[in-house]
Protein backbone atom coordinates (compact mmCIF):
# COMPACT_ATOMS: atom_id res chain seq x y z
CA MET A 1 0.00 0.00 0.00
CA SER A 2 1.40 3.38 -0.98
CA CYS A 3 1.01 5.97 1.73
CA SER A 4 1.59 9.71 1.35
CA PHE A 5 0.40 10.82 4.76
CA ASP A 6 2.93 12.40 7.12
CA PHE A 7 2.68 11.54 10.82
CA LYS A 8 6.34 12.05 11.71
CA GLY A 9 6.74 12.68 15.43
CA LYS A 10 3.13 11.69 16.20
CA THR A 11 2.14 9.09 18.78
CA VAL A 12 -0.76 6.80 17.89
CA LEU A 13 -2.51 4.63 20.48
CA ILE A 14 -4.48 1.78 18.90
CA THR A 15 -6.61 -0.79 20.71
CA GLY A 16 -6.91 -4.32 19.40
CA ALA A 17 -3.99 -3.85 17.01
CA GLU A 18 -2.28 -7.17 17.65
CA ARG A 19 -3.60 -8.54 14.33
CA GLY A 20 -6.25 -8.05 11.66
CA ILE A 21 -7.62 -4.60 10.87
CA GLY A 22 -5.95 -3.01 13.88
CA LEU A 23 -2.49 -4.23 12.93
CA GLU A 24 -2.91 -2.99 9.35
CA ILE A 25 -3.94 0.42 10.67
CA ALA A 26 -0.90 0.45 12.96
CA LYS A 27 1.36 -0.41 10.02
CA GLY A 28 -0.21 2.36 7.95
CA PHE A 29 0.65 4.92 10.62
CA ALA A 30 4.12 3.40 11.05
CA LYS A 31 4.81 3.74 7.32
CA SER A 32 3.87 7.40 7.69
CA GLY A 33 6.36 8.07 10.48
CA ALA A 34 4.30 7.68 13.66
CA ASN A 35 5.26 5.93 16.88
CA ILE A 36 2.80 3.18 17.80
CA VAL A 37 1.29 2.04 21.08
CA ILE A 38 -0.69 -1.21 20.87
CA ALA A 39 -3.21 -1.83 23.65
CA GLY A 40 -4.72 -5.30 23.62
CA ILE A 41 -5.27 -8.57 25.44
CA MET A 42 -3.58 -11.02 23.06
CA ASP A 43 -0.12 -10.87 24.57
CA GLU A 44 1.00 -13.82 22.46
CA GLU A 45 0.52 -11.69 19.34
CA PHE A 46 2.59 -8.76 20.64
CA PRO A 47 6.02 -10.00 19.46
CA ASN A 48 4.86 -10.41 15.85
CA ALA A 49 3.02 -7.09 15.81
CA GLU A 50 6.04 -5.31 17.25
CA LYS A 51 8.31 -7.00 14.72
CA GLU A 52 6.15 -5.94 11.77
CA ILE A 53 5.88 -2.35 12.97
CA THR A 54 9.52 -1.83 13.91
CA ALA A 55 10.53 -3.27 10.52
CA LEU A 56 8.86 -0.19 9.05
CA GLY A 57 11.16 2.09 11.04
CA ALA A 58 8.69 3.01 13.77
CA GLU A 59 8.96 2.64 17.50
CA CYS A 60 6.38 0.25 18.96
CA PHE A 61 5.23 -0.21 22.54
CA CYS A 62 2.74 -2.94 23.50
CA ILE A 63 0.74 -2.99 26.71
CA HIS A 64 -1.78 -5.53 27.99
CA THR A 65 -5.13 -3.75 28.12
CA ASP A 66 -8.68 -4.89 28.75
CA VAL A 67 -10.67 -1.94 27.41
CA ALA A 68 -13.70 -3.04 29.43
CA ASP A 69 -11.75 -2.55 32.67
CA GLU A 70 -11.44 1.04 33.84
CA GLU A 71 -8.18 0.60 35.72
CA SER A 72 -6.62 -1.24 32.79
CA VAL A 73 -7.57 1.61 30.45
CA ILE A 74 -6.21 4.23 32.83
CA ASN A 75 -2.96 2.30 33.10
CA ALA A 76 -2.65 1.96 29.31
CA VAL A 77 -3.13 5.67 28.69
CA GLU A 78 -0.76 6.64 31.49
CA SER A 79 1.85 4.17 30.20
CA ALA A 80 1.57 5.48 26.65
CA TRP A 81 1.88 9.05 27.88
CA GLY A 82 4.84 8.13 30.03
CA LYS A 83 6.58 6.42 27.13
CA PHE A 84 6.11 9.12 24.48
CA THR A 85 4.98 12.14 26.60
CA LYS A 86 1.93 12.59 24.37
CA ILE A 87 -0.94 10.89 22.57
CA ASP A 88 -1.76 12.64 19.32
CA ILE A 89 -4.14 10.06 17.87
CA LEU A 90 -6.37 7.37 19.38
CA VAL A 91 -7.84 4.60 17.25
CA ASN A 92 -10.47 2.49 19.00
CA ASN A 93 -10.42 -0.81 17.13
CA ALA A 94 -10.94 -3.45 19.85
CA GLY A 95 -14.20 -5.35 19.55
CA ILE A 96 -15.85 -8.72 20.05
CA ASN A 97 -18.95 -10.53 18.83
CA LYS A 98 -20.93 -13.62 19.70
CA LEU A 99 -24.00 -14.84 17.84
CA ALA A 100 -27.18 -15.85 19.64
CA PRO A 101 -30.89 -15.43 18.94
CA ALA A 102 -32.18 -12.47 20.94
CA GLU A 103 -34.57 -14.65 22.94
CA GLU A 104 -31.71 -16.94 23.94
CA MET A 105 -28.90 -14.47 24.51
CA PRO A 106 -27.54 -14.64 28.08
CA LEU A 107 -27.32 -11.32 29.85
CA SER A 108 -23.64 -12.01 30.53
CA THR A 109 -22.97 -12.28 26.78
CA TRP A 110 -24.89 -9.10 26.00
CA GLN A 111 -23.08 -7.26 28.79
CA ARG A 112 -19.60 -8.42 27.76
CA ILE A 113 -20.13 -7.30 24.16
CA MET A 114 -21.39 -3.92 25.35
CA ASP A 115 -18.56 -3.61 27.87
CA VAL A 116 -15.86 -4.17 25.24
CA ASN A 117 -17.35 -2.55 22.15
CA LEU A 118 -19.15 0.47 23.58
CA THR A 119 -18.02 1.05 27.16
CA GLY A 120 -14.43 0.22 26.20
CA THR A 121 -14.54 2.80 23.42
CA PHE A 122 -15.95 5.37 25.84
CA LEU A 123 -13.30 4.67 28.49
CA MET A 124 -10.46 4.97 25.99
CA CYS A 125 -11.94 8.20 24.61
CA ARG A 126 -12.41 9.61 28.09
CA GLU A 127 -8.91 8.86 29.31
CA ALA A 128 -7.05 9.74 26.11
CA GLY A 129 -9.37 12.70 25.62
CA ARG A 130 -8.40 14.14 28.99
CA ARG A 131 -4.75 14.02 27.98
CA MET A 132 -5.47 15.50 24.56
CA LEU A 133 -7.49 18.34 26.07
CA SER A 134 -4.65 19.17 28.44
CA ALA A 135 -2.27 19.24 25.47
CA GLY A 136 -4.50 21.47 23.37
CA GLY A 137 -6.05 18.92 21.03
CA GLY A 138 -5.90 15.55 19.34
CA ASN A 139 -7.64 13.18 17.03
CA ILE A 140 -9.83 10.12 17.64
CA VAL A 141 -10.96 7.57 15.08
CA ASN A 142 -13.42 4.88 16.16
CA VAL A 143 -13.80 1.63 14.27
CA ALA A 144 -17.55 1.03 14.29
CA SER A 145 -19.20 -1.32 11.79
CA MET A 146 -21.74 -1.23 9.03
CA SER A 147 -23.65 -3.42 11.50
CA GLY A 148 -24.24 -0.23 13.45
CA LEU A 149 -26.05 1.17 10.42
CA ILE A 150 -27.99 -1.84 9.12
CA VAL A 151 -29.38 -5.13 10.42
CA ASN A 152 -27.30 -8.04 9.12
CA PRO A 153 -29.38 -10.66 7.31
CA LEU A 154 -30.06 -14.01 8.92
CA PRO A 155 -28.45 -16.38 9.82
CA GLN A 156 -26.52 -13.67 11.72
CA THR A 157 -28.23 -13.25 15.07
CA GLN A 158 -26.19 -10.51 16.70
CA CYS A 159 -28.47 -7.99 18.38
CA ALA A 160 -25.82 -7.12 20.96
CA TYR A 161 -23.06 -6.47 18.42
CA ASN A 162 -25.23 -4.31 16.17
CA SER A 163 -26.54 -2.34 19.14
CA SER A 164 -23.03 -1.80 20.50
CA LYS A 165 -21.72 -0.54 17.16
CA ALA A 166 -24.70 1.78 16.72
CA GLY A 167 -23.75 3.12 20.14
CA VAL A 168 -20.17 3.70 18.97
CA ILE A 169 -21.46 5.76 16.05
CA MET A 170 -23.60 7.93 18.33
CA LEU A 171 -20.76 8.25 20.85
CA THR A 172 -18.58 9.49 18.00
CA LYS A 173 -21.09 12.21 17.20
CA VAL A 174 -21.58 13.24 20.84
CA LEU A 175 -17.87 13.51 21.60
CA ALA A 176 -17.24 15.36 18.33
CA ASN A 177 -19.83 17.92 19.40
CA GLU A 178 -18.51 18.26 22.95
CA TRP A 179 -14.86 18.61 21.98
CA ALA A 180 -15.07 20.44 18.63
CA GLU A 181 -14.16 23.84 20.06
CA ARG A 182 -11.44 22.33 22.28
CA GLY A 183 -9.25 20.95 19.53
CA ILE A 184 -10.29 17.28 19.33
CA ARG A 185 -11.87 15.81 16.23
CA VAL A 186 -13.73 12.50 16.50
CA ASN A 187 -14.73 10.42 13.47
CA ALA A 188 -15.55 6.78 12.73
CA ILE A 189 -15.29 4.22 9.98
CA ALA A 190 -17.84 1.46 9.50
CA PRO A 191 -16.17 -1.61 7.96
CA GLY A 192 -18.20 -4.10 6.01
CA PHE A 193 -17.48 -7.82 5.85
CA THR A 194 -13.71 -8.20 6.05
CA GLU A 195 -11.35 -11.16 5.90
CA THR A 196 -9.65 -11.28 9.29
CA PRO A 197 -8.44 -14.07 11.59
CA LEU A 198 -11.97 -14.08 13.05
CA THR A 199 -13.75 -14.58 9.71
CA ALA A 200 -11.17 -16.53 7.68
CA LYS A 201 -12.43 -19.97 8.75
CA ARG A 202 -16.00 -19.18 7.77
CA LEU A 203 -14.95 -17.57 4.49
CA SER A 204 -13.14 -20.78 3.57
CA VAL A 205 -16.55 -22.47 3.23
CA PRO A 206 -18.17 -20.87 0.14
CA ASP A 207 -21.45 -22.72 0.71
CA ASP A 208 -21.87 -21.25 4.20
CA PRO A 209 -25.27 -19.44 4.12
CA ALA A 210 -23.78 -16.40 5.84
CA VAL A 211 -20.87 -16.18 3.41
CA LYS A 212 -23.27 -16.38 0.47
CA LYS A 213 -25.18 -13.41 1.86
CA TRP A 214 -22.01 -11.49 2.69
CA ILE A 215 -20.72 -11.70 -0.86
CA GLY A 216 -24.08 -11.80 -2.64
CA GLY A 217 -25.23 -8.66 -0.85
CA THR A 218 -22.07 -6.69 -1.63
CA PRO A 219 -22.20 -4.88 -4.99
CA MET A 220 -18.42 -5.32 -5.39
CA GLY A 221 -18.95 -9.09 -5.06
CA ARG A 222 -16.31 -9.76 -2.43
CA VAL A 223 -15.31 -9.10 1.17
CA ALA A 224 -12.71 -6.50 2.14
CA GLN A 225 -9.08 -7.01 3.04
CA PRO A 226 -7.93 -5.41 6.34
CA GLU A 227 -5.56 -3.02 4.56
CA GLU A 228 -8.53 -1.48 2.74
CA MET A 229 -9.60 0.15 6.02
CA VAL A 230 -6.31 2.01 6.47
CA GLY A 231 -6.65 4.93 4.07
CA LEU A 232 -9.80 6.39 5.60
CA VAL A 233 -8.45 6.10 9.15
CA LEU A 234 -5.27 7.93 8.15
CA TYR A 235 -7.32 10.56 6.33
CA PHE A 236 -9.48 11.24 9.38
CA ALA A 237 -6.36 11.48 11.56
CA SER A 238 -4.52 13.79 9.17
CA ASP A 239 -4.49 17.51 8.46
CA LEU A 240 -6.30 16.78 5.19
CA SER A 241 -9.56 16.49 7.16
CA THR A 242 -9.32 19.46 9.54
CA PHE A 243 -12.96 20.48 8.93
CA THR A 244 -14.34 16.96 9.39
CA THR A 245 -15.69 15.74 12.71
CA GLY A 246 -18.63 13.64 13.91
CA THR A 247 -18.65 11.65 10.69
CA CYS A 248 -19.07 7.90 10.17
CA VAL A 249 -18.19 6.55 6.73
CA PRO A 250 -18.93 2.96 5.62
CA VAL A 251 -16.12 1.00 3.97
CA ASP A 252 -18.30 -1.87 2.82
CA GLY A 253 -18.04 -2.41 -0.93
CA GLY A 254 -21.45 -0.80 -1.33
CA TYR A 255 -23.33 -3.15 1.01
CA THR A 256 -25.28 -0.42 2.81
CA VAL A 257 -26.48 1.26 -0.41
CA LEU A 258 -28.87 -1.62 -1.16
């Protein structure tokens, strides 16, 4: 991927960037000169992520972080600030999903999805936002989902996931409004179906009813690759979008236009 953005001297904190979309976003910033802080729970993936990022000439710092835990979030932000003395950009990418019919979904499952996807995004925004406000400004990009804009067709029974991502989109708008005059811009991307370590197994079965609907319902006739999410994130975080805040843009191959 060619990358003409310039983030030299910037510090980017990214949640859930050990692999998949998050790692590609981290690499995009690294190629553009930024220092990277990865906050996630998959410690076993840290060495590979750090290797890939440092190979691009960037400095990389990984810290175990459960975004659903307030103290863990506070520690991650303080550690990132202590390491680089600033956080210029926050990318909230961490997220989970679990399918279950609404009438059968355990409260514990609903709550965990909300805690990670929505509350975790809020906690990271709150803590990093405090630091950014004290420094005179910053930039936040939230990774929502097209599932926060539309209801996925059956057999996907994911009322908690869709509701959490819709919440992320509204949180993006609310924070953008609150912080617009204080130097922080907040935007979101809404990925469509994407080939990641979480979806690869299912995508390997072309006759899977869900896969047929994923691809059949996408005008471009395919799912996305993680690196196809990078450009918009970098745009939102760059000085090319200084009059853009509170926006959520789908990156879905046209799925949500139908």
